[in-house]
Amino acid sequence: MIDTCPIHYWAKEAPEHIAIDAGSVRISYRTLNRRVASLAQQLAHDGFVTGDRLVVPAKGALESLLLAWACLRAGVIFCPLNPAFPVPQQVGLAKRLRAGRVCQTESDHHDSSELTPITLDFLAEADVGEAPVLEGSQLCNTIFTSGSSGTPKAVLHRVANHLASARGSASFIPLDQNSGWLLSLPLFHIGGYAIPFRVFMAGGRVILDDDPKTLPARLEQQSITHLSLVPTQLWRLLRAGFTPQRTQLRELLLGGAAIPAPLVAQMTSLGLTPKVSYGLSEMASQVCTGIPTAPGVVGRPLPGSDVSVVDGEIQVRGETLFCGYLNDGEIDPALNDQGWFATRDKGHFTTDGALVVEGRLDNGFISGGENIQPESIEQRLVDHPSIAQALVVPVSHPEWGERPVAFVDWHGEAVTQQALKAWVGEALPGFMVPDAWLAWPPGGGFKPSRKQFAELAQTHMCCAIRPAAACP
């Protein structure tokens, strides 16, 4: 399948319409088309050919976004990395990709002698000539998984994966030329890389997340109509006095953690019902999207995505399915004999066909012979009106094997441990009530590491039963 580059299409249809809003810098579709054309020509002049890989430590700066789309046109595989990674880690990931060149668009690190740096003129413009096309079968980017269950894997996509994902997303979250989606997720995350595809295909604008103003002020002052957040960010917005009526916000997409029922209720009462989604890098972002009607419900599969549940495990396939994992030049499709990708996520369908995600199979553990899924406890906890986020991990126990310990981040007035135990016990079996309640650690972040939290919990429980001098 061949598609005209959407940037070029809108440069012809609405040349002066703003495509990128970067605070003090606004770029029209005409200018964006010419800058991307120039960068693609510069890549070709530097010797890049179709299938070459370019490492780009990229979060979400204007230069990174321009380069991502220039790579699409040049047939170069765009390989974004977290700019915060130390140089040795970046070099190690580049070696796994067999990528020898790097473009430092937004990294403070000095170039490693093991990677050849390239320098580009991001302000240059060039005539476009014939309409540039995007070949669906073309390999276009890698996204490294978080590595929460092991070594990060390089997810390799084709152009068609992202085009299908954007079309599927638009079927439930519509965009138009008046839409502005804040790039609040980094380009090295599949959710961030997917946003420009959705926006440019609709002729809207990508709003870069580099404005010094706070998010509440930006929402009231800028044309942000679409926003992706995790629940904790939304709680903070509400505490800052956020009301949708003072903004142009039309669509709010929540994900990344258990969705608190009180948060959904409060937003709905303010006139903006949030939507939730289930997605993964291997499926080019969204797989299901829906209204949060009950714990874990993430809606129906979007067009371009097929979902099945086999022995309690969610499996996926479809137009958005990745090529495979790239490692040392080899591609591992990672599919079963029926062509499905097994996600290691636990779930089931409701009677009306909506998917319910229960948690990661890898997170489950056994306590005294009983199976415990931590996400079930977390969902109950965040449904408490005073809790912003929660995370439950297992710790070793001499009698029961393992027991749950909960980390709690408050957004309201804290309650007693007895009250928390009663709250969980009202909805879940007694063996799922955590043995201990720990404060959310500083720097826990919006996507905390279960491994790190488990180590903190184990240390705490060790100190609780041993003399202080014996603790590490």
Protein backbone atom coordinates (compact mmCIF):
# COMPACT_ATOMS: atom_id res chain seq x y z
CA MET A 1 0.00 0.00 0.00
CA ILE A 2 1.30 3.47 -0.92
CA ASP A 3 0.11 6.69 0.75
CA THR A 4 1.02 10.27 -0.03
CA CYS A 5 2.88 11.80 2.89
CA PRO A 6 0.15 13.59 4.90
CA ILE A 7 2.42 16.59 5.50
CA HIS A 8 2.76 17.08 1.72
CA TYR A 9 -0.99 16.58 1.23
CA TRP A 10 -1.90 19.32 3.68
CA ALA A 11 0.89 21.57 2.36
CA LYS A 12 -1.11 21.58 -0.89
CA GLU A 13 -4.60 21.69 0.63
CA ALA A 14 -3.97 24.17 3.48
CA PRO A 15 -0.41 25.50 3.12
CA GLU A 16 -0.63 28.23 5.77
CA HIS A 17 -2.36 26.09 8.38
CA ILE A 18 -0.19 25.57 11.47
CA ALA A 19 1.23 22.04 11.68
CA ILE A 20 3.54 22.41 14.69
CA ASP A 21 3.11 24.80 17.62
CA ALA A 22 6.37 25.00 19.54
CA GLY A 23 5.60 27.99 21.76
CA SER A 24 7.31 30.97 20.16
CA VAL A 25 7.82 29.00 16.94
CA ARG A 26 4.92 28.02 14.73
CA ILE A 27 5.45 26.10 11.53
CA SER A 28 2.92 25.92 8.72
CA TYR A 29 2.34 22.80 6.65
CA ARG A 30 4.07 24.49 3.70
CA THR A 31 7.20 25.24 5.74
CA LEU A 32 7.13 21.83 7.45
CA ASN A 33 6.92 20.11 4.08
CA ARG A 34 9.95 22.02 2.80
CA ARG A 35 12.02 21.46 5.97
CA VAL A 36 11.32 17.73 5.98
CA ALA A 37 12.24 17.60 2.28
CA SER A 38 15.55 19.33 2.99
CA LEU A 39 16.42 16.99 5.84
CA ALA A 40 15.60 13.94 3.71
CA GLN A 41 17.93 15.29 1.02
CA GLN A 42 20.65 15.94 3.60
CA LEU A 43 20.37 12.34 4.82
CA ALA A 44 20.76 11.09 1.25
CA HIS A 45 23.74 13.41 0.73
CA ASP A 46 25.35 11.94 3.87
CA GLY A 47 25.13 8.50 2.31
CA PHE A 48 22.01 7.12 3.98
CA VAL A 49 20.06 4.61 1.89
CA THR A 50 16.82 2.77 2.45
CA GLY A 51 17.03 0.49 5.49
CA ASP A 52 19.93 2.31 7.20
CA ARG A 53 19.46 2.98 10.92
CA LEU A 54 19.97 6.32 12.62
CA VAL A 55 20.17 6.58 16.41
CA VAL A 56 18.52 9.72 17.78
CA PRO A 57 18.43 10.46 21.53
CA ALA A 58 15.01 12.12 21.30
CA LYS A 59 12.33 13.14 23.75
CA GLY A 60 10.13 15.63 21.92
CA ALA A 61 12.07 18.65 20.66
CA LEU A 62 11.18 20.25 17.33
CA GLU A 63 14.37 18.98 15.68
CA SER A 64 13.62 15.41 16.75
CA LEU A 65 10.11 15.54 15.31
CA LEU A 66 11.37 16.98 12.02
CA LEU A 67 14.03 14.28 11.78
CA ALA A 68 11.55 11.48 12.50
CA TRP A 69 9.49 12.48 9.46
CA ALA A 70 12.53 13.13 7.30
CA CYS A 71 13.61 9.55 8.00
CA LEU A 72 10.19 8.35 6.83
CA ARG A 73 10.68 10.06 3.48
CA ALA A 74 14.29 8.97 3.12
CA GLY A 75 13.57 5.33 3.98
CA VAL A 76 15.87 5.54 7.02
CA ILE A 77 14.92 3.63 10.18
CA PHE A 78 14.47 6.19 12.97
CA CYS A 79 15.81 4.73 16.25
CA PRO A 80 14.95 7.04 19.16
CA LEU A 81 16.55 6.51 22.57
CA ASN A 82 15.91 8.11 25.93
CA PRO A 83 18.34 11.10 26.04
CA ALA A 84 18.75 10.49 29.78
CA PHE A 85 20.45 7.15 29.16
CA PRO A 86 24.21 7.25 29.84
CA VAL A 87 26.44 7.04 26.77
CA PRO A 88 27.54 3.41 27.37
CA GLN A 89 23.90 2.33 27.47
CA GLN A 90 23.10 4.25 24.28
CA VAL A 91 26.09 2.67 22.55
CA GLY A 92 25.04 -0.81 23.69
CA LEU A 93 21.52 -0.34 22.32
CA ALA A 94 22.92 1.07 19.06
CA LYS A 95 25.10 -2.02 18.65
CA ARG A 96 22.08 -4.27 19.06
CA LEU A 97 20.42 -2.31 16.26
CA ARG A 98 23.61 -2.39 14.18
CA ALA A 99 23.37 1.38 13.88
CA GLY A 100 26.67 3.19 13.56
CA ARG A 101 25.54 6.82 13.26
CA VAL A 102 23.88 9.19 15.71
CA CYS A 103 22.25 12.63 15.52
CA GLN A 104 22.19 14.49 18.84
CA THR A 105 19.03 16.56 18.57
CA GLU A 106 18.46 17.01 22.30
CA SER A 107 21.12 15.26 24.33
CA ASP A 108 23.75 16.84 26.56
CA HIS A 109 26.03 13.83 26.15
CA HIS A 110 29.20 14.07 24.11
CA ASP A 111 29.26 11.79 21.11
CA SER A 112 30.89 8.44 21.71
CA SER A 113 33.84 7.53 19.57
CA GLU A 114 31.97 4.29 18.78
CA LEU A 115 29.16 6.15 16.98
CA THR A 116 29.66 8.52 14.07
CA PRO A 117 27.85 11.84 14.66
CA ILE A 118 25.99 13.56 11.85
CA THR A 119 25.13 17.26 11.71
CA LEU A 120 22.03 18.56 9.93
CA ASP A 121 20.63 22.00 9.13
CA PHE A 122 17.14 21.97 10.62
CA LEU A 123 16.23 25.43 9.29
CA ALA A 124 17.01 24.68 5.64
CA GLU A 125 14.15 24.27 3.18
CA ALA A 126 14.00 22.54 -0.18
CA ASP A 127 11.63 22.26 -3.12
CA VAL A 128 9.59 19.10 -2.83
CA GLY A 129 8.87 18.32 -6.47
CA GLU A 130 6.76 15.20 -6.97
CA ALA A 131 4.47 14.18 -4.14
CA PRO A 132 6.51 12.09 -1.67
CA VAL A 133 4.92 8.74 -0.90
CA LEU A 134 5.05 6.48 2.12
CA GLU A 135 5.39 2.82 1.17
CA GLY A 136 3.46 0.72 3.67
CA SER A 137 5.96 -2.16 3.66
CA GLN A 138 8.89 0.16 4.40
CA LEU A 139 10.66 -0.41 7.71
CA CYS A 140 10.55 2.92 9.50
CA ASN A 141 11.36 2.92 13.23
CA THR A 142 12.29 1.04 16.36
CA ILE A 143 10.91 1.52 19.87
CA PHE A 144 12.62 -0.07 22.85
CA THR A 145 10.31 -1.70 25.37
CA SER A 146 10.63 -0.63 29.00
CA GLY A 147 12.39 -3.83 29.98
CA SER A 148 10.19 -4.21 33.05
CA SER A 149 10.17 -7.98 32.56
CA GLY A 150 13.76 -8.36 31.34
CA THR A 151 16.14 -6.83 28.81
CA PRO A 152 14.57 -4.06 26.66
CA LYS A 153 13.55 -5.30 23.23
CA ALA A 154 13.74 -3.30 20.00
CA VAL A 155 10.27 -3.29 18.44
CA LEU A 156 10.52 -2.84 14.66
CA HIS A 157 7.63 -1.26 12.72
CA ARG A 158 6.62 -0.75 9.13
CA VAL A 159 5.00 2.47 7.89
CA ALA A 160 1.68 0.62 7.41
CA ASN A 161 1.55 -0.19 11.15
CA HIS A 162 1.43 3.49 12.10
CA LEU A 163 -0.97 4.53 9.35
CA ALA A 164 -3.38 1.78 10.39
CA SER A 165 -2.98 2.71 14.07
CA ALA A 166 -3.79 6.37 13.36
CA ARG A 167 -6.88 5.42 11.36
CA GLY A 168 -8.05 3.06 14.08
CA SER A 169 -7.56 5.69 16.78
CA ALA A 170 -9.51 8.29 14.77
CA SER A 171 -12.51 5.95 14.63
CA PHE A 172 -13.07 6.54 18.36
CA ILE A 173 -11.09 9.74 19.04
CA PRO A 174 -11.87 11.99 16.08
CA LEU A 175 -9.50 14.74 14.93
CA ASP A 176 -9.84 17.51 12.36
CA GLN A 177 -7.95 20.56 11.15
CA ASN A 178 -8.89 22.44 14.31
CA SER A 179 -7.40 19.77 16.57
CA GLY A 180 -4.26 20.30 18.62
CA TRP A 181 -2.71 17.31 20.42
CA LEU A 182 -0.08 17.99 23.06
CA LEU A 183 3.01 15.82 22.57
CA SER A 184 3.12 14.97 26.27
CA LEU A 185 4.73 11.57 25.71
CA PRO A 186 8.32 11.18 24.42
CA LEU A 187 9.15 10.07 20.89
CA PHE A 188 11.07 7.09 22.29
CA HIS A 189 7.71 5.85 23.67
CA ILE A 190 5.20 4.37 21.22
CA GLY A 191 2.46 6.68 22.52
CA GLY A 192 4.56 9.72 21.68
CA TYR A 193 5.70 8.48 18.26
CA ALA A 194 2.04 7.75 17.35
CA ILE A 195 0.66 11.24 18.08
CA PRO A 196 2.14 13.03 15.01
CA PHE A 197 0.74 10.33 12.71
CA ARG A 198 -2.76 10.89 14.12
CA VAL A 199 -2.48 14.67 13.91
CA PHE A 200 -0.82 15.06 10.50
CA MET A 201 -3.26 12.64 8.87
CA ALA A 202 -6.09 14.89 10.07
CA GLY A 203 -4.37 18.15 9.13
CA GLY A 204 -4.27 19.34 12.74
CA ARG A 205 -1.39 20.63 14.81
CA VAL A 206 1.15 18.95 17.09
CA ILE A 207 1.74 21.08 20.18
CA LEU A 208 5.18 20.50 21.64
CA ASP A 209 5.55 20.08 25.39
CA ASP A 210 8.37 22.59 25.85
CA ASP A 211 6.48 25.66 27.04
CA PRO A 212 7.65 26.97 30.43
CA LYS A 213 4.08 27.62 31.58
CA THR A 214 2.40 25.06 33.81
CA LEU A 215 -0.04 22.67 32.19
CA PRO A 216 -3.18 24.30 33.73
CA ALA A 217 -2.13 27.67 32.28
CA ARG A 218 -1.30 26.14 28.89
CA LEU A 219 -4.68 24.43 28.69
CA GLU A 220 -6.43 27.76 29.25
CA GLN A 221 -4.20 29.75 26.87
CA GLN A 222 -3.40 27.35 24.02
CA SER A 223 -5.49 25.48 21.48
CA ILE A 224 -5.01 22.06 23.10
CA THR A 225 -7.99 19.92 22.16
CA HIS A 226 -6.50 16.45 22.76
CA LEU A 227 -4.50 15.36 25.77
CA SER A 228 -2.96 12.10 26.99
CA LEU A 229 -2.34 11.79 30.75
CA VAL A 230 -1.80 9.29 33.52
CA PRO A 231 -4.27 9.50 36.45
CA THR A 232 -1.81 11.20 38.81
CA GLN A 233 -1.30 14.06 36.35
CA LEU A 234 -5.05 14.56 36.12
CA TRP A 235 -5.44 14.60 39.91
CA ARG A 236 -2.81 17.34 40.03
CA LEU A 237 -4.64 19.30 37.35
CA LEU A 238 -7.86 19.14 39.34
CA ARG A 239 -6.11 20.26 42.51
CA ALA A 240 -4.79 23.26 40.56
CA GLY A 241 -8.36 24.28 39.74
CA PHE A 242 -8.63 22.80 36.25
CA THR A 243 -12.07 22.93 34.66
CA PRO A 244 -12.67 21.87 31.03
CA GLN A 245 -14.99 24.82 30.41
CA ARG A 246 -12.04 27.24 30.51
CA THR A 247 -10.16 25.23 27.86
CA GLN A 248 -10.66 23.96 24.32
CA LEU A 249 -10.16 20.37 25.46
CA ARG A 250 -12.36 17.89 23.62
CA GLU A 251 -10.67 14.54 24.23
CA LEU A 252 -8.84 13.27 27.30
CA LEU A 253 -7.13 9.88 27.07
CA LEU A 254 -6.07 8.17 30.32
CA GLY A 255 -3.68 5.26 30.62
CA GLY A 256 -0.50 3.95 32.18
CA ALA A 257 -2.07 2.89 35.49
CA ALA A 258 -5.29 1.73 37.13
CA ILE A 259 -8.06 4.26 36.43
CA PRO A 260 -9.66 5.57 39.67
CA ALA A 261 -13.46 5.56 39.64
CA PRO A 262 -13.63 8.81 41.70
CA LEU A 263 -11.44 10.53 39.10
CA VAL A 264 -13.68 9.45 36.23
CA ALA A 265 -16.77 10.53 38.17
CA GLN A 266 -15.32 13.97 38.95
CA MET A 267 -14.29 14.58 35.34
CA THR A 268 -17.67 13.42 34.07
CA SER A 269 -19.41 15.82 36.48
CA LEU A 270 -17.29 18.61 34.97
CA GLY A 271 -18.59 17.77 31.53
CA LEU A 272 -15.67 15.83 30.05
CA THR A 273 -15.76 12.04 30.27
CA PRO A 274 -12.23 10.64 29.84
CA LYS A 275 -11.46 7.67 27.63
CA VAL A 276 -9.16 4.78 28.44
CA SER A 277 -7.09 2.60 26.17
CA TYR A 278 -5.11 -0.60 26.08
CA GLY A 279 -2.07 -0.56 23.87
CA LEU A 280 1.45 -1.85 23.45
CA SER A 281 4.53 -1.07 21.41
CA GLU A 282 4.16 -4.29 19.42
CA MET A 283 0.80 -3.02 18.10
CA ALA A 284 1.93 0.53 17.27
CA SER A 285 0.09 2.02 20.27
CA GLN A 286 -3.69 1.73 20.76
CA VAL A 287 -5.42 -1.64 20.51
CA CYS A 288 -8.67 -0.97 22.37
CA THR A 289 -10.23 2.30 23.47
CA GLY A 290 -13.43 2.94 25.38
CA ILE A 291 -15.29 4.64 28.19
CA PRO A 292 -14.19 3.47 31.69
CA THR A 293 -17.45 1.87 32.79
CA ALA A 294 -15.93 -0.65 35.23
CA PRO A 295 -12.50 -1.63 36.62
CA GLY A 296 -10.17 -2.80 33.86
CA VAL A 297 -12.62 -2.22 31.00
CA VAL A 298 -10.72 -0.70 28.04
CA GLY A 299 -13.33 -0.87 25.29
CA ARG A 300 -13.56 -2.79 22.04
CA PRO A 301 -10.74 -3.48 19.59
CA LEU A 302 -10.15 -0.62 17.16
CA PRO A 303 -10.15 -1.13 13.38
CA GLY A 304 -6.83 -2.63 12.32
CA SER A 305 -6.45 -4.64 15.54
CA ASP A 306 -7.68 -8.15 16.33
CA VAL A 307 -7.83 -9.41 19.92
CA SER A 308 -8.42 -12.86 21.38
CA VAL A 309 -8.10 -14.34 24.86
CA VAL A 310 -6.60 -17.82 25.10
CA ASP A 311 -6.35 -19.50 28.53
CA GLY A 312 -6.72 -16.08 30.14
CA GLU A 313 -3.92 -14.47 28.08
CA ILE A 314 -4.59 -11.58 25.70
CA GLN A 315 -3.33 -12.21 22.16
CA VAL A 316 -3.26 -9.67 19.32
CA ARG A 317 -2.69 -9.39 15.60
CA GLY A 318 -3.82 -7.20 12.68
CA GLU A 319 -2.64 -4.34 10.47
CA THR A 320 -0.86 -2.64 13.36
CA LEU A 321 1.17 -5.72 14.36
CA PHE A 322 4.93 -5.09 14.37
CA CYS A 323 7.49 -6.83 12.15
CA GLY A 324 9.24 -8.38 15.12
CA TYR A 325 12.07 -7.74 17.56
CA LEU A 326 15.30 -6.51 15.99
CA ASN A 327 18.49 -7.82 17.57
CA ASP A 328 21.96 -7.90 16.00
CA GLY A 329 20.50 -7.54 12.53
CA GLU A 330 18.08 -10.43 12.92
CA ILE A 331 14.28 -10.05 13.14
CA ASP A 332 12.35 -12.32 15.51
CA PRO A 333 8.61 -12.22 14.59
CA ALA A 334 7.75 -13.46 18.11
CA LEU A 335 4.42 -14.93 16.93
CA ASN A 336 2.80 -18.27 17.68
CA ASP A 337 1.88 -20.84 15.06
CA GLN A 338 -1.47 -19.12 14.44
CA GLY A 339 0.16 -15.74 13.79
CA TRP A 340 -0.88 -14.17 17.09
CA PHE A 341 1.36 -12.20 19.43
CA ALA A 342 0.95 -13.37 23.04
CA THR A 343 1.07 -10.24 25.21
CA ARG A 344 1.57 -11.83 28.66
CA ASP A 345 -1.37 -9.67 29.77
CA LYS A 346 -4.23 -11.31 31.60
CA GLY A 347 -7.78 -10.49 30.54
CA HIS A 348 -11.24 -11.46 29.41
CA PHE A 349 -14.15 -10.10 27.37
CA THR A 350 -17.40 -8.77 28.78
CA THR A 351 -20.70 -10.08 27.43
CA ASP A 352 -20.93 -7.07 25.10
CA GLY A 353 -17.46 -7.58 23.63
CA ALA A 354 -15.37 -5.09 25.59
CA LEU A 355 -11.90 -6.16 26.73
CA VAL A 356 -11.09 -6.26 30.43
CA VAL A 357 -7.38 -6.12 31.30
CA GLU A 358 -6.66 -7.75 34.65
CA GLY A 359 -2.89 -7.20 34.79
CA ARG A 360 0.40 -8.75 33.75
CA LEU A 361 0.67 -12.52 34.06
CA ASP A 362 4.30 -11.97 35.09
CA ASN A 363 3.15 -9.86 38.07
CA GLY A 364 0.99 -12.56 39.63
CA PHE A 365 2.21 -14.54 42.63
CA ILE A 366 1.01 -17.25 45.02
CA SER A 367 0.41 -16.64 48.71
CA GLY A 368 -0.48 -19.64 50.84
CA GLY A 369 -1.74 -21.48 47.77
CA GLU A 370 -3.91 -18.55 46.60
CA ASN A 371 -3.28 -16.71 43.34
CA ILE A 372 -2.90 -12.94 43.73
CA GLN A 373 -2.96 -10.43 40.87
CA PRO A 374 -1.48 -7.17 42.24
CA GLU A 375 -3.40 -5.00 39.77
CA SER A 376 -6.70 -6.12 41.33
CA ILE A 377 -5.59 -4.71 44.68
CA GLU A 378 -4.24 -1.56 43.03
CA GLN A 379 -7.56 -0.92 41.31
CA ARG A 380 -9.44 -1.21 44.59
CA LEU A 381 -6.98 1.16 46.28
CA VAL A 382 -7.15 3.90 43.63
CA ASP A 383 -10.95 3.74 43.85
CA HIS A 384 -10.53 5.18 47.36
CA PRO A 385 -11.32 8.92 47.21
CA SER A 386 -8.03 9.90 48.90
CA ILE A 387 -5.57 7.78 46.87
CA ALA A 388 -3.91 9.09 43.70
CA GLN A 389 -1.93 5.98 42.76
CA ALA A 390 -0.97 2.66 44.29
CA LEU A 391 1.39 -0.18 43.53
CA VAL A 392 1.40 -3.63 45.13
CA VAL A 393 4.41 -5.97 45.17
CA PRO A 394 5.11 -9.37 46.75
CA VAL A 395 7.61 -9.84 49.58
CA SER A 396 8.88 -13.17 50.86
CA HIS A 397 7.16 -14.63 53.91
CA PRO A 398 8.34 -17.64 55.98
CA GLU A 399 4.85 -19.15 56.28
CA TRP A 400 2.87 -18.00 53.23
CA GLY A 401 5.65 -17.91 50.63
CA GLU A 402 4.89 -14.37 49.53
CA ARG A 403 2.59 -11.63 50.80
CA PRO A 404 1.41 -8.35 49.22
CA VAL A 405 2.78 -4.98 50.36
CA ALA A 406 1.20 -1.75 49.09
CA PHE A 407 2.77 1.61 48.25
CA VAL A 408 0.24 4.44 48.44
CA ASP A 409 0.42 7.97 47.01
CA TRP A 410 -2.18 10.25 48.60
CA HIS A 411 -3.91 13.13 46.86
CA GLY A 412 -6.37 13.73 49.70
CA GLU A 413 -6.29 13.31 53.46
CA ALA A 414 -4.52 10.11 54.50
CA VAL A 415 -6.52 7.50 56.40
CA THR A 416 -5.44 4.87 58.91
CA GLN A 417 -4.07 1.47 58.01
CA GLN A 418 -7.11 -0.13 59.61
CA ALA A 419 -9.37 1.91 57.36
CA LEU A 420 -7.34 0.84 54.31
CA LYS A 421 -7.53 -2.82 55.31
CA ALA A 422 -11.29 -2.48 55.70
CA TRP A 423 -11.59 -0.75 52.31
CA VAL A 424 -9.74 -3.55 50.50
CA GLY A 425 -11.46 -6.27 52.53
CA GLU A 426 -14.91 -5.01 51.54
CA ALA A 427 -14.26 -5.86 47.89
CA LEU A 428 -11.53 -8.54 47.88
CA PRO A 429 -10.78 -11.78 49.77
CA GLY A 430 -8.89 -11.46 53.03
CA PHE A 431 -5.72 -13.05 51.64
CA MET A 432 -5.46 -10.09 49.20
CA VAL A 433 -5.35 -7.47 51.96
CA PRO A 434 -1.74 -6.15 52.06
CA ASP A 435 0.40 -6.91 55.11
CA ALA A 436 2.04 -3.48 55.09
CA TRP A 437 1.35 0.04 53.79
CA LEU A 438 4.31 2.12 52.64
CA ALA A 439 4.57 5.74 51.54
CA TRP A 440 5.13 6.44 47.85
CA PRO A 441 8.89 7.00 47.51
CA PRO A 442 10.26 10.32 46.21
CA GLY A 443 10.88 10.15 42.50
CA GLY A 444 8.54 7.17 42.11
CA GLY A 445 7.50 8.62 38.78
CA PHE A 446 4.45 8.06 36.60
CA LYS A 447 5.60 4.62 35.41
CA PRO A 448 7.28 3.11 38.46
CA SER A 449 9.49 0.04 38.30
CA ARG A 450 7.91 -2.91 40.08
CA LYS A 451 11.34 -4.42 40.54
CA GLN A 452 12.64 -1.35 42.36
CA PHE A 453 9.50 -1.06 44.48
CA ALA A 454 9.75 -4.75 45.38
CA GLU A 455 13.34 -4.23 46.55
CA LEU A 456 12.23 -1.26 48.69
CA ALA A 457 9.41 -3.32 50.20
CA GLN A 458 11.68 -6.28 50.93
CA THR A 459 14.17 -4.00 52.68
CA HIS A 460 11.39 -2.42 54.73
CA MET A 461 9.98 -5.78 55.82
CA CYS A 462 13.50 -6.99 56.65
CA CYS A 463 14.04 -4.00 58.92
CA ALA A 464 10.64 -4.45 60.52
CA ILE A 465 11.52 -7.90 61.85
CA ARG A 466 15.27 -7.52 62.51
CA PRO A 467 17.33 -5.25 64.71
CA ALA A 468 18.23 -2.02 62.96
CA ALA A 469 21.93 -2.94 62.90
CA ALA A 470 21.14 -6.04 60.84
CA CYS A 471 19.41 -4.15 58.07
CA PRO A 472 21.31 -3.41 54.86
